[in-house]
Amino acid sequence: MKAWSCTTPGVLDLIDTAPPSAAPGRSLLRIRRIGVCGTDLHAFKGTQPFFSYPRILGHELAGDVDGEPFTIIPYYACGHCIACRRGLPNCCVSIQVCGVHVDGGMVECLSVPNDALIPAGGLSYDALALAEPLAIGAHGVRRAGVTPGEYVLVIGAGPIGLGTMAMARLAGARVIAMDVNANRLQFCREKLGVEHAVQAGDDASVRDLTGGDMPTVVIDATGSLRAI
């Protein structure tokens, strides 16, 4: 079986590896689409913390099990620790992230836990491969309790920020995009239909747009200390 392995920072090798075997509680997912996440880029550059090499990258993916299309939740929880017992598997004390702690989806076939599989629900392979990154924005908007008509400021117009803006618009919010990159802001206005787009640091414009109130929801999609 062919796989792409990040053997050391800056090196991605096409390797031959043994295909996974069937195991209880797991399914064999034949990969049809694979995305490249910022996590993968950091791993390739050698700037991903708590990372060991070599590692097969990739967790934004789509594939099929016995001809049926699926994507996955790429965070494998143990199901037994205190966090899992409290319904917080994302805080699992021994969590394994696909493509980070264990080998990921840049392979022909991947063994995944059955409870990590998400059926396609009519989506194409292309759409399924975007489900995981788009879910981040959907989760953030849901947790923020966004309501129709309120102003939501999304800082960062990268892929996660764009997904967050789209989800906020679906929730009926009036979205303000903020970024340091003018081209990204133009994309927000012209391609995503975002109502307002302002340069980072332009607090006066944000205040004016909101009638002096400022946004009631602010979502940071940069991870930048300066932005925070």
C-alpha atoms as a PDB file:
ATOM      1  CA  MET A   1       0.000   0.000   0.000  1.00  0.00           C
ATOM      2  CA  LYS A   2       1.282   3.477  -0.892  1.00  0.00           C
ATOM      3  CA  ALA A   3       1.388   6.262   1.702  1.00  0.00           C
ATOM      4  CA  TRP A   4       2.857   9.741   2.081  1.00  0.00           C
ATOM      5  CA  SER A   5       5.051   9.899   5.170  1.00  0.00           C
ATOM      6  CA  CYS A   6       6.540  13.028   6.697  1.00  0.00           C
ATOM      7  CA  THR A   7       9.799  11.371   7.684  1.00  0.00           C
ATOM      8  CA  THR A   8      11.489  14.503   9.025  1.00  0.00           C
ATOM      9  CA  PRO A   9      10.613  18.214   8.923  1.00  0.00           C
ATOM     10  CA  GLY A  10      10.629  19.362   5.302  1.00  0.00           C
ATOM     11  CA  VAL A  11      10.618  15.838   3.846  1.00  0.00           C
ATOM     12  CA  LEU A  12       7.544  14.024   2.489  1.00  0.00           C
ATOM     13  CA  ASP A  13       8.273  10.539   1.133  1.00  0.00           C
ATOM     14  CA  LEU A  14       6.057   8.203  -0.875  1.00  0.00           C
ATOM     15  CA  ILE A  15       6.495   4.883   0.903  1.00  0.00           C
ATOM     16  CA  ASP A  16       5.271   1.309   0.713  1.00  0.00           C
ATOM     17  CA  THR A  17       3.589   0.093   3.887  1.00  0.00           C
ATOM     18  CA  ALA A  18       1.551  -2.931   4.879  1.00  0.00           C
ATOM     19  CA  PRO A  19      -2.214  -2.468   4.462  1.00  0.00           C
ATOM     20  CA  PRO A  20      -4.221  -2.498   7.704  1.00  0.00           C
ATOM     21  CA  SER A  21      -5.946  -5.671   8.800  1.00  0.00           C
ATOM     22  CA  ALA A  22      -9.548  -6.011   9.920  1.00  0.00           C
ATOM     23  CA  ALA A  23      -9.888  -5.686  13.703  1.00  0.00           C
ATOM     24  CA  PRO A  24     -12.833  -5.788  16.135  1.00  0.00           C
ATOM     25  CA  GLY A  25     -14.445  -2.395  16.611  1.00  0.00           C
ATOM     26  CA  ARG A  26     -12.687  -0.879  13.591  1.00  0.00           C
ATOM     27  CA  SER A  27     -13.429  -0.424   9.894  1.00  0.00           C
ATOM     28  CA  LEU A  28     -11.214  -0.217   6.835  1.00  0.00           C
ATOM     29  CA  LEU A  29     -11.780   3.131   5.100  1.00  0.00           C
ATOM     30  CA  ARG A  30     -10.593   3.370   1.499  1.00  0.00           C
ATOM     31  CA  ILE A  31      -9.465   6.968   1.073  1.00  0.00           C
ATOM     32  CA  ARG A  32     -11.001   8.884  -1.847  1.00  0.00           C
ATOM     33  CA  ARG A  33     -10.180  12.502  -0.900  1.00  0.00           C
ATOM     34  CA  ILE A  34      -7.634  14.019   1.475  1.00  0.00           C
ATOM     35  CA  GLY A  35      -7.231  17.658   2.496  1.00  0.00           C
ATOM     36  CA  VAL A  36      -4.188  19.511   3.786  1.00  0.00           C
ATOM     37  CA  CYS A  37      -4.754  21.179   7.153  1.00  0.00           C
ATOM     38  CA  GLY A  38      -2.671  23.844   8.843  1.00  0.00           C
ATOM     39  CA  THR A  39      -1.738  21.117  11.306  1.00  0.00           C
ATOM     40  CA  ASP A  40      -0.179  19.157   8.450  1.00  0.00           C
ATOM     41  CA  LEU A  41       1.733  22.215   7.251  1.00  0.00           C
ATOM     42  CA  HIS A  42       3.109  22.851  10.740  1.00  0.00           C
ATOM     43  CA  ALA A  43       4.176  19.217  10.978  1.00  0.00           C
ATOM     44  CA  PHE A  44       5.913  19.460   7.596  1.00  0.00           C
ATOM     45  CA  LYS A  45       7.674  22.671   8.644  1.00  0.00           C
ATOM     46  CA  GLY A  46       8.724  21.215  11.995  1.00  0.00           C
ATOM     47  CA  THR A  47       6.715  23.723  14.042  1.00  0.00           C
ATOM     48  CA  GLN A  48       3.987  21.391  15.310  1.00  0.00           C
ATOM     49  CA  PRO A  49       4.405  20.896  19.089  1.00  0.00           C
ATOM     50  CA  PHE A  50       4.277  17.453  20.700  1.00  0.00           C
ATOM     51  CA  PHE A  51       4.923  15.805  17.344  1.00  0.00           C
ATOM     52  CA  SER A  52       7.099  12.820  16.483  1.00  0.00           C
ATOM     53  CA  TYR A  53       8.493  11.630  13.152  1.00  0.00           C
ATOM     54  CA  PRO A  54       8.002   9.772  10.923  1.00  0.00           C
ATOM     55  CA  ARG A  55       4.256  10.312  10.651  1.00  0.00           C
ATOM     56  CA  ILE A  56       1.657   9.755   7.940  1.00  0.00           C
ATOM     57  CA  LEU A  57      -0.325  12.997   7.918  1.00  0.00           C
ATOM     58  CA  GLY A  58      -3.930  13.826   7.050  1.00  0.00           C
ATOM     59  CA  HIS A  59      -7.271  13.978   8.852  1.00  0.00           C
ATOM     60  CA  GLU A  60      -9.552  16.045   6.577  1.00  0.00           C
ATOM     61  CA  LEU A  61     -10.740  13.180   4.452  1.00  0.00           C
ATOM     62  CA  ALA A  62     -13.440  11.215   2.708  1.00  0.00           C
ATOM     63  CA  GLY A  63     -13.555   7.571   1.814  1.00  0.00           C
ATOM     64  CA  ASP A  64     -15.733   4.494   1.702  1.00  0.00           C
ATOM     65  CA  VAL A  65     -16.332   1.357   3.697  1.00  0.00           C
ATOM     66  CA  ASP A  66     -17.641  -1.489   1.543  1.00  0.00           C
ATOM     67  CA  GLY A  67     -18.649   1.053  -1.100  1.00  0.00           C
ATOM     68  CA  GLU A  68     -20.524   3.350   1.305  1.00  0.00           C
ATOM     69  CA  PRO A  69     -19.091   6.898   1.677  1.00  0.00           C
ATOM     70  CA  PHE A  70     -17.978   8.238   5.060  1.00  0.00           C
ATOM     71  CA  THR A  71     -15.859  10.891   6.692  1.00  0.00           C
ATOM     72  CA  ILE A  72     -14.452  10.644  10.207  1.00  0.00           C
ATOM     73  CA  ILE A  73     -14.146  12.430  13.526  1.00  0.00           C
ATOM     74  CA  PRO A  74     -10.339  12.433  13.660  1.00  0.00           C
ATOM     75  CA  TYR A  75     -10.076  12.633  17.458  1.00  0.00           C
ATOM     76  CA  TYR A  76      -9.977   9.135  18.867  1.00  0.00           C
ATOM     77  CA  ALA A  77     -11.009   9.044  22.532  1.00  0.00           C
ATOM     78  CA  CYS A  78     -10.564   6.078  24.864  1.00  0.00           C
ATOM     79  CA  GLY A  79     -14.177   6.095  26.098  1.00  0.00           C
ATOM     80  CA  HIS A  80     -13.166   5.145  29.653  1.00  0.00           C
ATOM     81  CA  CYS A  81     -11.316   8.032  31.352  1.00  0.00           C
ATOM     82  CA  ILE A  82     -12.898  10.688  33.573  1.00  0.00           C
ATOM     83  CA  ALA A  83     -13.381  13.100  30.655  1.00  0.00           C
ATOM     84  CA  CYS A  84     -14.994  10.461  28.432  1.00  0.00           C
ATOM     85  CA  ARG A  85     -17.264   9.314  31.259  1.00  0.00           C
ATOM     86  CA  ARG A  86     -18.423  12.917  31.675  1.00  0.00           C
ATOM     87  CA  GLY A  87     -19.298  13.210  27.980  1.00  0.00           C
ATOM     88  CA  LEU A  88     -16.218  15.279  27.103  1.00  0.00           C
ATOM     89  CA  PRO A  89     -14.273  13.003  24.745  1.00  0.00           C
ATOM     90  CA  ASN A  90     -12.393  15.992  23.304  1.00  0.00           C
ATOM     91  CA  CYS A  91     -10.668  16.233  26.704  1.00  0.00           C
ATOM     92  CA  CYS A  92      -9.767  12.513  26.815  1.00  0.00           C
ATOM     93  CA  VAL A  93      -6.606  12.030  28.853  1.00  0.00           C
ATOM     94  CA  SER A  94      -5.184   9.682  26.205  1.00  0.00           C
ATOM     95  CA  ILE A  95      -6.691  11.233  23.064  1.00  0.00           C
ATOM     96  CA  GLN A  96      -5.119  10.226  19.771  1.00  0.00           C
ATOM     97  CA  VAL A  97      -5.487  12.649  16.882  1.00  0.00           C
ATOM     98  CA  CYS A  98      -5.451  11.031  13.456  1.00  0.00           C
ATOM     99  CA  GLY A  99      -2.380  12.211  11.561  1.00  0.00           C
ATOM    100  CA  VAL A 100      -0.772  13.683  14.683  1.00  0.00           C
ATOM    101  CA  HIS A 101      -0.430  11.054  17.418  1.00  0.00           C
ATOM    102  CA  VAL A 102      -1.247   8.133  15.115  1.00  0.00           C
ATOM    103  CA  ASP A 103      -0.797   7.735  11.373  1.00  0.00           C
ATOM    104  CA  GLY A 104      -3.399   9.516   9.280  1.00  0.00           C
ATOM    105  CA  GLY A 105      -5.211   9.492   5.983  1.00  0.00           C
ATOM    106  CA  MET A 106      -2.542  10.062   3.323  1.00  0.00           C
ATOM    107  CA  VAL A 107      -2.799   6.362   2.556  1.00  0.00           C
ATOM    108  CA  GLU A 108      -4.786   4.083   0.273  1.00  0.00           C
ATOM    109  CA  CYS A 109      -6.637   2.484   3.184  1.00  0.00           C
ATOM    110  CA  LEU A 110      -6.997   3.567   6.821  1.00  0.00           C
ATOM    111  CA  SER A 111      -8.176   1.616   9.851  1.00  0.00           C
ATOM    112  CA  VAL A 112     -10.508   3.780  11.972  1.00  0.00           C
ATOM    113  CA  PRO A 113     -12.633   3.161  15.077  1.00  0.00           C
ATOM    114  CA  ASN A 114     -16.244   2.430  14.159  1.00  0.00           C
ATOM    115  CA  ASP A 115     -17.509   5.229  16.404  1.00  0.00           C
ATOM    116  CA  ALA A 116     -15.386   7.747  14.454  1.00  0.00           C
ATOM    117  CA  LEU A 117     -17.237   7.120  11.183  1.00  0.00           C
ATOM    118  CA  ILE A 118     -19.748   9.712   9.955  1.00  0.00           C
ATOM    119  CA  PRO A 119     -21.999   8.633   7.027  1.00  0.00           C
ATOM    120  CA  ALA A 120     -22.124  10.878   3.984  1.00  0.00           C
ATOM    121  CA  GLY A 121     -25.810  11.752   4.175  1.00  0.00           C
ATOM    122  CA  GLY A 122     -25.865  12.386   0.441  1.00  0.00           C
ATOM    123  CA  LEU A 123     -22.724  14.552   0.320  1.00  0.00           C
ATOM    124  CA  SER A 124     -20.059  14.081  -2.335  1.00  0.00           C
ATOM    125  CA  TYR A 125     -16.521  12.992  -1.502  1.00  0.00           C
ATOM    126  CA  ASP A 126     -15.349  16.575  -2.092  1.00  0.00           C
ATOM    127  CA  ALA A 127     -17.894  17.949   0.389  1.00  0.00           C
ATOM    128  CA  LEU A 128     -17.176  15.216   2.935  1.00  0.00           C
ATOM    129  CA  ALA A 129     -13.477  16.110   2.994  1.00  0.00           C
ATOM    130  CA  LEU A 130     -14.490  19.608   4.146  1.00  0.00           C
ATOM    131  CA  ALA A 131     -16.794  18.418   6.930  1.00  0.00           C
ATOM    132  CA  GLU A 132     -14.167  18.452   9.696  1.00  0.00           C
ATOM    133  CA  PRO A 133     -12.816  21.996   9.139  1.00  0.00           C
ATOM    134  CA  LEU A 134     -16.327  23.384   8.596  1.00  0.00           C
ATOM    135  CA  ALA A 135     -17.489  21.687  11.796  1.00  0.00           C
ATOM    136  CA  ILE A 136     -15.073  23.891  13.754  1.00  0.00           C
ATOM    137  CA  GLY A 137     -16.908  27.046  12.705  1.00  0.00           C
ATOM    138  CA  ALA A 138     -20.300  25.423  13.214  1.00  0.00           C
ATOM    139  CA  HIS A 139     -19.311  24.369  16.732  1.00  0.00           C
ATOM    140  CA  GLY A 140     -18.020  27.846  17.603  1.00  0.00           C
ATOM    141  CA  VAL A 141     -21.159  29.583  16.349  1.00  0.00           C
ATOM    142  CA  ARG A 142     -23.383  27.114  18.191  1.00  0.00           C
ATOM    143  CA  ARG A 143     -21.479  27.525  21.467  1.00  0.00           C
ATOM    144  CA  ALA A 144     -21.607  31.300  21.132  1.00  0.00           C
ATOM    145  CA  GLY A 145     -25.399  31.116  20.887  1.00  0.00           C
ATOM    146  CA  VAL A 146     -25.470  33.399  17.841  1.00  0.00           C
ATOM    147  CA  THR A 147     -28.937  34.837  17.189  1.00  0.00           C
ATOM    148  CA  PRO A 148     -30.395  36.436  14.046  1.00  0.00           C
ATOM    149  CA  GLY A 149     -29.492  40.071  13.550  1.00  0.00           C
ATOM    150  CA  GLU A 150     -26.641  40.340  16.043  1.00  0.00           C
ATOM    151  CA  TYR A 151     -23.169  41.447  15.011  1.00  0.00           C
ATOM    152  CA  VAL A 152     -20.487  38.765  14.960  1.00  0.00           C
ATOM    153  CA  LEU A 153     -16.858  39.774  14.484  1.00  0.00           C
ATOM    154  CA  VAL A 154     -14.664  36.991  13.073  1.00  0.00           C
ATOM    155  CA  ILE A 155     -10.961  37.762  13.329  1.00  0.00           C
ATOM    156  CA  GLY A 156      -8.961  35.886  10.691  1.00  0.00           C
ATOM    157  CA  ALA A 157     -10.118  35.170   7.149  1.00  0.00           C
ATOM    158  CA  GLY A 158      -8.244  31.938   6.605  1.00  0.00           C
ATOM    159  CA  PRO A 159     -10.041  28.644   5.946  1.00  0.00           C
ATOM    160  CA  ILE A 160     -11.346  28.253   9.509  1.00  0.00           C
ATOM    161  CA  GLY A 161     -12.394  31.892   9.675  1.00  0.00           C
ATOM    162  CA  LEU A 162     -14.210  31.674   6.344  1.00  0.00           C
ATOM    163  CA  GLY A 163     -16.087  28.589   7.529  1.00  0.00           C
ATOM    164  CA  THR A 164     -16.994  30.374  10.752  1.00  0.00           C
ATOM    165  CA  MET A 165     -18.306  33.369   8.812  1.00  0.00           C
ATOM    166  CA  ALA A 166     -20.427  31.103   6.627  1.00  0.00           C
ATOM    167  CA  MET A 167     -21.902  29.387   9.676  1.00  0.00           C
ATOM    168  CA  ALA A 168     -22.593  32.711  11.396  1.00  0.00           C
ATOM    169  CA  ARG A 169     -24.408  33.948   8.296  1.00  0.00           C
ATOM    170  CA  LEU A 170     -26.495  30.763   8.264  1.00  0.00           C
ATOM    171  CA  ALA A 171     -27.433  31.573  11.868  1.00  0.00           C
ATOM    172  CA  GLY A 172     -28.689  34.972  10.682  1.00  0.00           C
ATOM    173  CA  ALA A 173     -25.841  37.079  12.061  1.00  0.00           C
ATOM    174  CA  ARG A 174     -24.492  40.297  10.576  1.00  0.00           C
ATOM    175  CA  VAL A 175     -20.878  39.304  10.050  1.00  0.00           C
ATOM    176  CA  ILE A 176     -17.841  41.567  10.247  1.00  0.00           C
ATOM    177  CA  ALA A 177     -14.652  40.021   8.864  1.00  0.00           C
ATOM    178  CA  MET A 178     -11.297  41.260  10.175  1.00  0.00           C
ATOM    179  CA  ASP A 179      -7.859  40.396   8.800  1.00  0.00           C
ATOM    180  CA  VAL A 180      -4.475  41.944   8.049  1.00  0.00           C
ATOM    181  CA  ASN A 181      -4.672  40.854   4.407  1.00  0.00           C
ATOM    182  CA  ALA A 182      -6.691  43.115   2.081  1.00  0.00           C
ATOM    183  CA  ASN A 183      -7.036  40.378  -0.566  1.00  0.00           C
ATOM    184  CA  ARG A 184      -8.639  38.064   1.962  1.00  0.00           C
ATOM    185  CA  LEU A 185     -11.063  40.768   3.009  1.00  0.00           C
ATOM    186  CA  GLN A 186     -11.985  41.368  -0.622  1.00  0.00           C
ATOM    187  CA  PHE A 187     -12.658  37.640  -1.001  1.00  0.00           C
ATOM    188  CA  CYS A 188     -14.959  37.777   2.044  1.00  0.00           C
ATOM    189  CA  ARG A 189     -17.002  40.551   0.483  1.00  0.00           C
ATOM    190  CA  GLU A 190     -17.112  39.336  -3.120  1.00  0.00           C
ATOM    191  CA  LYS A 191     -17.180  35.548  -2.804  1.00  0.00           C
ATOM    192  CA  LEU A 192     -18.652  34.870   0.619  1.00  0.00           C
ATOM    193  CA  GLY A 193     -21.124  37.737   0.752  1.00  0.00           C
ATOM    194  CA  VAL A 194     -19.916  39.016   4.120  1.00  0.00           C
ATOM    195  CA  GLU A 195     -21.628  42.295   4.959  1.00  0.00           C
ATOM    196  CA  HIS A 196     -18.590  44.131   6.362  1.00  0.00           C
ATOM    197  CA  ALA A 197     -14.822  43.579   6.115  1.00  0.00           C
ATOM    198  CA  VAL A 198     -12.302  45.729   7.984  1.00  0.00           C
ATOM    199  CA  GLN A 199      -8.551  45.826   8.435  1.00  0.00           C
ATOM    200  CA  ALA A 200      -7.179  44.428  11.672  1.00  0.00           C
ATOM    201  CA  GLY A 201      -6.868  47.116  14.317  1.00  0.00           C
ATOM    202  CA  ASP A 202      -9.538  49.371  12.822  1.00  0.00           C
ATOM    203  CA  ASP A 203     -11.646  49.435  15.969  1.00  0.00           C
ATOM    204  CA  ALA A 204     -13.230  52.749  15.009  1.00  0.00           C
ATOM    205  CA  SER A 205     -14.829  51.226  11.907  1.00  0.00           C
ATOM    206  CA  VAL A 206     -16.143  48.286  13.913  1.00  0.00           C
ATOM    207  CA  ARG A 207     -17.649  50.679  16.443  1.00  0.00           C
ATOM    208  CA  ASP A 208     -19.249  52.771  13.690  1.00  0.00           C
ATOM    209  CA  LEU A 209     -20.694  49.728  11.910  1.00  0.00           C
ATOM    210  CA  THR A 210     -22.382  48.578  15.094  1.00  0.00           C
ATOM    211  CA  GLY A 211     -23.797  51.973  16.043  1.00  0.00           C
ATOM    212  CA  GLY A 212     -21.324  52.308  18.873  1.00  0.00           C
ATOM    213  CA  ASP A 213     -22.283  49.027  20.544  1.00  0.00           C
ATOM    214  CA  MET A 214     -19.414  46.836  19.247  1.00  0.00           C
ATOM    215  CA  PRO A 215     -20.120  43.178  18.318  1.00  0.00           C
ATOM    216  CA  THR A 216     -21.870  40.997  20.843  1.00  0.00           C
ATOM    217  CA  VAL A 217     -19.902  37.943  19.646  1.00  0.00           C
ATOM    218  CA  VAL A 218     -16.185  37.896  18.780  1.00  0.00           C
ATOM    219  CA  ILE A 219     -14.590  34.737  17.420  1.00  0.00           C
ATOM    220  CA  ASP A 220     -10.818  34.543  16.968  1.00  0.00           C
ATOM    221  CA  ALA A 221      -9.792  32.273  14.088  1.00  0.00           C
ATOM    222  CA  THR A 222      -6.116  33.195  14.052  1.00  0.00           C
ATOM    223  CA  GLY A 223      -4.502  31.772  17.169  1.00  0.00           C
ATOM    224  CA  SER A 224      -2.374  34.946  17.096  1.00  0.00           C
ATOM    225  CA  LEU A 225      -1.491  36.456  20.463  1.00  0.00           C
ATOM    226  CA  ARG A 226      -1.641  39.926  18.896  1.00  0.00           C
ATOM    227  CA  ALA A 227      -5.161  39.272  17.608  1.00  0.00           C
ATOM    228  CA  ILE A 228      -6.333  37.958  20.960  1.00  0.00           C
END
